[in-house]
Amino acid sequence: MGLLDFASDIGRKLFGKEEEAGEKIKEHIEEDNPGVENLEVEVKDGVAKVKGKAKDQSALQKAILMAGNVIGIKEVNADEVEAPAPTEADNAVDYYEIKKGDTLWAIAKEHYGNGNKYNKIFEENREVIKDPDLIFPGQKIRIPKD
């Protein structure tokens, strides 16, 4: 998984100056570590370069989303993260960008035909979404295929 684009003006505000961005994003990811060892994050010109060893594709995807959903980050490059090859289950995930007015219930209704499955989306994004009632436009999340 290489480079993903993000909206640099939305997300969590973690840093004031780009010089401190790498360390702040690293701390943010490690706080709820999805399964990445020896994590390193460098930021230059709004591009976060993530390095380390992911236990699986899910961990890699979550680390990328955690880094990218930060104000000031417009791209995430994870070319230097070691991870097992994607399995069929790993490929059964779509990415979704939250729109104004979205709720996890509405997203679950749209993707699964049943709003009650919003918790499935929340659980797949627990490291990315801290509170299922607090999502924001422009935020990117993972949607597991049903």
C-alpha atoms as a PDB file:
ATOM      1  CA  MET A   1       0.000   0.000   0.000  1.00  0.00           C
ATOM      2  CA  GLY A   2       1.718   3.126  -1.202  1.00  0.00           C
ATOM      3  CA  LEU A   3       0.417   6.640  -1.273  1.00  0.00           C
ATOM      4  CA  LEU A   4      -3.045   7.777  -0.156  1.00  0.00           C
ATOM      5  CA  ASP A   5      -4.438  11.307  -0.450  1.00  0.00           C
ATOM      6  CA  PHE A   6      -6.166  13.154   2.383  1.00  0.00           C
ATOM      7  CA  ALA A   7      -7.734  16.568   2.964  1.00  0.00           C
ATOM      8  CA  SER A   8      -5.003  18.464   4.811  1.00  0.00           C
ATOM      9  CA  ASP A   9      -7.368  20.972   6.404  1.00  0.00           C
ATOM     10  CA  ILE A  10      -9.511  18.488   8.345  1.00  0.00           C
ATOM     11  CA  GLY A  11      -8.885  16.000  11.128  1.00  0.00           C
ATOM     12  CA  ARG A  12      -7.258  15.993  14.524  1.00  0.00           C
ATOM     13  CA  LYS A  13      -4.913  18.841  15.263  1.00  0.00           C
ATOM     14  CA  LEU A  14      -1.768  17.224  16.639  1.00  0.00           C
ATOM     15  CA  PHE A  15       1.008  19.632  15.793  1.00  0.00           C
ATOM     16  CA  GLY A  16       1.700  23.309  15.253  1.00  0.00           C
ATOM     17  CA  LYS A  17       4.950  23.128  13.301  1.00  0.00           C
ATOM     18  CA  GLU A  18       5.852  20.553  10.688  1.00  0.00           C
ATOM     19  CA  GLU A  19       9.148  19.874  12.511  1.00  0.00           C
ATOM     20  CA  GLU A  20       7.203  18.252  15.365  1.00  0.00           C
ATOM     21  CA  ALA A  21       4.647  16.498  13.140  1.00  0.00           C
ATOM     22  CA  GLY A  22       6.462  13.161  12.745  1.00  0.00           C
ATOM     23  CA  GLU A  23       6.866  12.614  16.464  1.00  0.00           C
ATOM     24  CA  LYS A  24       3.299  13.745  17.262  1.00  0.00           C
ATOM     25  CA  ILE A  25       1.786  11.454  14.623  1.00  0.00           C
ATOM     26  CA  LYS A  26       3.955   8.565  15.827  1.00  0.00           C
ATOM     27  CA  GLU A  27       2.691   9.120  19.391  1.00  0.00           C
ATOM     28  CA  HIS A  28      -0.888   9.315  18.084  1.00  0.00           C
ATOM     29  CA  ILE A  29      -0.598   5.983  16.250  1.00  0.00           C
ATOM     30  CA  GLU A  30       1.212   4.270  19.137  1.00  0.00           C
ATOM     31  CA  GLU A  31      -1.479   5.415  21.590  1.00  0.00           C
ATOM     32  CA  ASP A  32      -3.918   2.915  20.048  1.00  0.00           C
ATOM     33  CA  ASN A  33      -1.364   0.929  18.095  1.00  0.00           C
ATOM     34  CA  PRO A  34      -3.199  -1.159  15.497  1.00  0.00           C
ATOM     35  CA  GLY A  35      -0.224  -3.540  15.211  1.00  0.00           C
ATOM     36  CA  VAL A  36       2.822  -1.728  13.817  1.00  0.00           C
ATOM     37  CA  GLU A  37       6.251  -2.352  15.358  1.00  0.00           C
ATOM     38  CA  ASN A  38       9.333  -0.129  15.084  1.00  0.00           C
ATOM     39  CA  LEU A  39       7.133   2.711  13.895  1.00  0.00           C
ATOM     40  CA  GLU A  40       8.775   5.792  12.438  1.00  0.00           C
ATOM     41  CA  VAL A  41       6.995   8.786  10.912  1.00  0.00           C
ATOM     42  CA  GLU A  42       8.607  11.614   8.981  1.00  0.00           C
ATOM     43  CA  VAL A  43       6.657  14.586   7.621  1.00  0.00           C
ATOM     44  CA  LYS A  44       7.799  16.917   4.866  1.00  0.00           C
ATOM     45  CA  ASP A  45       5.609  19.323   2.891  1.00  0.00           C
ATOM     46  CA  GLY A  46       2.431  17.702   4.236  1.00  0.00           C
ATOM     47  CA  VAL A  47       3.463  14.164   3.250  1.00  0.00           C
ATOM     48  CA  ALA A  48       3.745  11.654   6.097  1.00  0.00           C
ATOM     49  CA  LYS A  49       6.216   8.859   5.373  1.00  0.00           C
ATOM     50  CA  VAL A  50       5.467   5.870   7.599  1.00  0.00           C
ATOM     51  CA  LYS A  51       7.987   3.104   8.272  1.00  0.00           C
ATOM     52  CA  GLY A  52       7.868  -0.025  10.414  1.00  0.00           C
ATOM     53  CA  LYS A  53       6.571  -3.562  10.423  1.00  0.00           C
ATOM     54  CA  ALA A  54       2.821  -4.204  10.355  1.00  0.00           C
ATOM     55  CA  LYS A  55       1.432  -7.473  11.708  1.00  0.00           C
ATOM     56  CA  ASP A  56      -1.128  -7.552   8.873  1.00  0.00           C
ATOM     57  CA  GLN A  57      -2.767  -5.421   6.183  1.00  0.00           C
ATOM     58  CA  SER A  58      -5.447  -4.232   8.591  1.00  0.00           C
ATOM     59  CA  ALA A  59      -2.795  -2.763  10.900  1.00  0.00           C
ATOM     60  CA  LEU A  60      -1.119  -1.064   7.953  1.00  0.00           C
ATOM     61  CA  GLN A  61      -4.405   0.378   6.677  1.00  0.00           C
ATOM     62  CA  LYS A  62      -5.349   1.691  10.112  1.00  0.00           C
ATOM     63  CA  ALA A  63      -1.929   3.310  10.654  1.00  0.00           C
ATOM     64  CA  ILE A  64      -2.237   5.053   7.290  1.00  0.00           C
ATOM     65  CA  LEU A  65      -5.725   6.323   8.141  1.00  0.00           C
ATOM     66  CA  MET A  66      -4.607   7.465  11.581  1.00  0.00           C
ATOM     67  CA  ALA A  67      -1.736   9.463  10.061  1.00  0.00           C
ATOM     68  CA  GLY A  68      -3.792  10.826   7.188  1.00  0.00           C
ATOM     69  CA  ASN A  69      -6.748  11.991   9.272  1.00  0.00           C
ATOM     70  CA  VAL A  70      -4.547  14.637  10.905  1.00  0.00           C
ATOM     71  CA  ILE A  71      -4.713  18.338  10.059  1.00  0.00           C
ATOM     72  CA  GLY A  72      -1.705  19.267   7.942  1.00  0.00           C
ATOM     73  CA  ILE A  73      -1.311  15.872   6.255  1.00  0.00           C
ATOM     74  CA  LYS A  74      -2.285  15.697   2.582  1.00  0.00           C
ATOM     75  CA  GLU A  75      -0.679  12.348   1.699  1.00  0.00           C
ATOM     76  CA  VAL A  76       0.619   9.248   3.450  1.00  0.00           C
ATOM     77  CA  ASN A  77       3.391   7.153   1.946  1.00  0.00           C
ATOM     78  CA  ALA A  78       3.714   3.671   3.461  1.00  0.00           C
ATOM     79  CA  ASP A  79       6.020   2.103   0.872  1.00  0.00           C
ATOM     80  CA  GLU A  80       8.599   1.365   3.575  1.00  0.00           C
ATOM     81  CA  VAL A  81       6.266  -0.521   5.894  1.00  0.00           C
ATOM     82  CA  GLU A  82       6.861  -4.264   5.922  1.00  0.00           C
ATOM     83  CA  ALA A  83       3.587  -6.184   5.915  1.00  0.00           C
ATOM     84  CA  PRO A  84       2.349  -9.617   4.903  1.00  0.00           C
ATOM     85  CA  ALA A  85       0.942  -9.828   1.399  1.00  0.00           C
ATOM     86  CA  PRO A  86      -2.740  -8.926   1.192  1.00  0.00           C
ATOM     87  CA  THR A  87      -5.165 -11.836   1.511  1.00  0.00           C
ATOM     88  CA  GLU A  88      -8.580 -12.100  -0.102  1.00  0.00           C
ATOM     89  CA  ALA A  89     -10.108 -10.860   3.174  1.00  0.00           C
ATOM     90  CA  ASP A  90      -7.758  -7.844   3.181  1.00  0.00           C
ATOM     91  CA  ASN A  91      -9.001  -6.923  -0.269  1.00  0.00           C
ATOM     92  CA  ALA A  92     -12.609  -7.087   0.992  1.00  0.00           C
ATOM     93  CA  VAL A  93     -12.330  -3.556   2.380  1.00  0.00           C
ATOM     94  CA  ASP A  94     -13.434  -0.306   0.784  1.00  0.00           C
ATOM     95  CA  TYR A  95     -12.379   3.166   1.837  1.00  0.00           C
ATOM     96  CA  TYR A  96     -15.014   5.785   2.465  1.00  0.00           C
ATOM     97  CA  GLU A  97     -14.704   9.539   2.883  1.00  0.00           C
ATOM     98  CA  ILE A  98     -17.180  10.967   5.392  1.00  0.00           C
ATOM     99  CA  LYS A  99     -19.527  13.554   3.904  1.00  0.00           C
ATOM    100  CA  LYS A 100     -21.323  16.396   5.671  1.00  0.00           C
ATOM    101  CA  GLY A 101     -24.372  14.998   7.454  1.00  0.00           C
ATOM    102  CA  ASP A 102     -23.109  11.396   7.497  1.00  0.00           C
ATOM    103  CA  THR A 103     -23.581   9.130  10.488  1.00  0.00           C
ATOM    104  CA  LEU A 104     -22.192   5.636  10.925  1.00  0.00           C
ATOM    105  CA  TRP A 105     -25.827   4.453  10.910  1.00  0.00           C
ATOM    106  CA  ALA A 106     -26.433   6.054   7.495  1.00  0.00           C
ATOM    107  CA  ILE A 107     -23.146   4.690   6.128  1.00  0.00           C
ATOM    108  CA  ALA A 108     -24.051   1.174   7.328  1.00  0.00           C
ATOM    109  CA  LYS A 109     -27.503   1.527   5.764  1.00  0.00           C
ATOM    110  CA  GLU A 110     -25.900   2.597   2.459  1.00  0.00           C
ATOM    111  CA  HIS A 111     -23.224  -0.132   2.395  1.00  0.00           C
ATOM    112  CA  TYR A 112     -24.998  -3.032   4.106  1.00  0.00           C
ATOM    113  CA  GLY A 113     -28.676  -2.180   3.708  1.00  0.00           C
ATOM    114  CA  ASN A 114     -29.003  -2.169   7.502  1.00  0.00           C
ATOM    115  CA  GLY A 115     -28.167   0.781   9.762  1.00  0.00           C
ATOM    116  CA  ASN A 116     -27.908  -1.552  12.749  1.00  0.00           C
ATOM    117  CA  LYS A 117     -24.575  -2.731  11.330  1.00  0.00           C
ATOM    118  CA  TYR A 118     -22.963   0.635  12.145  1.00  0.00           C
ATOM    119  CA  ASN A 119     -21.090  -1.062  14.986  1.00  0.00           C
ATOM    120  CA  LYS A 120     -19.267  -3.274  12.453  1.00  0.00           C
ATOM    121  CA  ILE A 121     -17.887  -0.124  10.833  1.00  0.00           C
ATOM    122  CA  PHE A 122     -17.005   1.362  14.221  1.00  0.00           C
ATOM    123  CA  GLU A 123     -15.192  -1.798  15.361  1.00  0.00           C
ATOM    124  CA  GLU A 124     -13.175  -1.937  12.103  1.00  0.00           C
ATOM    125  CA  ASN A 125     -12.128   1.678  12.689  1.00  0.00           C
ATOM    126  CA  ARG A 126     -11.809   1.753  16.488  1.00  0.00           C
ATOM    127  CA  GLU A 127      -8.288   3.198  16.278  1.00  0.00           C
ATOM    128  CA  VAL A 128      -9.398   5.790  13.714  1.00  0.00           C
ATOM    129  CA  ILE A 129     -12.787   6.760  15.224  1.00  0.00           C
ATOM    130  CA  LYS A 130     -12.721   7.305  18.984  1.00  0.00           C
ATOM    131  CA  ASP A 131     -16.448   7.976  19.343  1.00  0.00           C
ATOM    132  CA  PRO A 132     -19.051   6.693  16.845  1.00  0.00           C
ATOM    133  CA  ASP A 133     -20.963   9.950  17.303  1.00  0.00           C
ATOM    134  CA  LEU A 134     -17.939  12.105  16.416  1.00  0.00           C
ATOM    135  CA  ILE A 135     -17.036  11.674  12.765  1.00  0.00           C
ATOM    136  CA  PHE A 136     -16.193  14.595  10.511  1.00  0.00           C
ATOM    137  CA  PRO A 137     -16.463  15.449   6.811  1.00  0.00           C
ATOM    138  CA  GLY A 138     -13.317  14.508   4.914  1.00  0.00           C
ATOM    139  CA  GLN A 139     -12.288  11.800   7.373  1.00  0.00           C
ATOM    140  CA  LYS A 140     -11.430   8.509   5.678  1.00  0.00           C
ATOM    141  CA  ILE A 141     -12.412   5.169   7.164  1.00  0.00           C
ATOM    142  CA  ARG A 142     -12.422   1.479   6.221  1.00  0.00           C
ATOM    143  CA  ILE A 143     -15.658  -0.249   5.248  1.00  0.00           C
ATOM    144  CA  PRO A 144     -15.403  -4.053   5.400  1.00  0.00           C
ATOM    145  CA  LYS A 145     -17.462  -5.753   2.734  1.00  0.00           C
ATOM    146  CA  ASP A 146     -20.369  -7.701   4.150  1.00  0.00           C
END
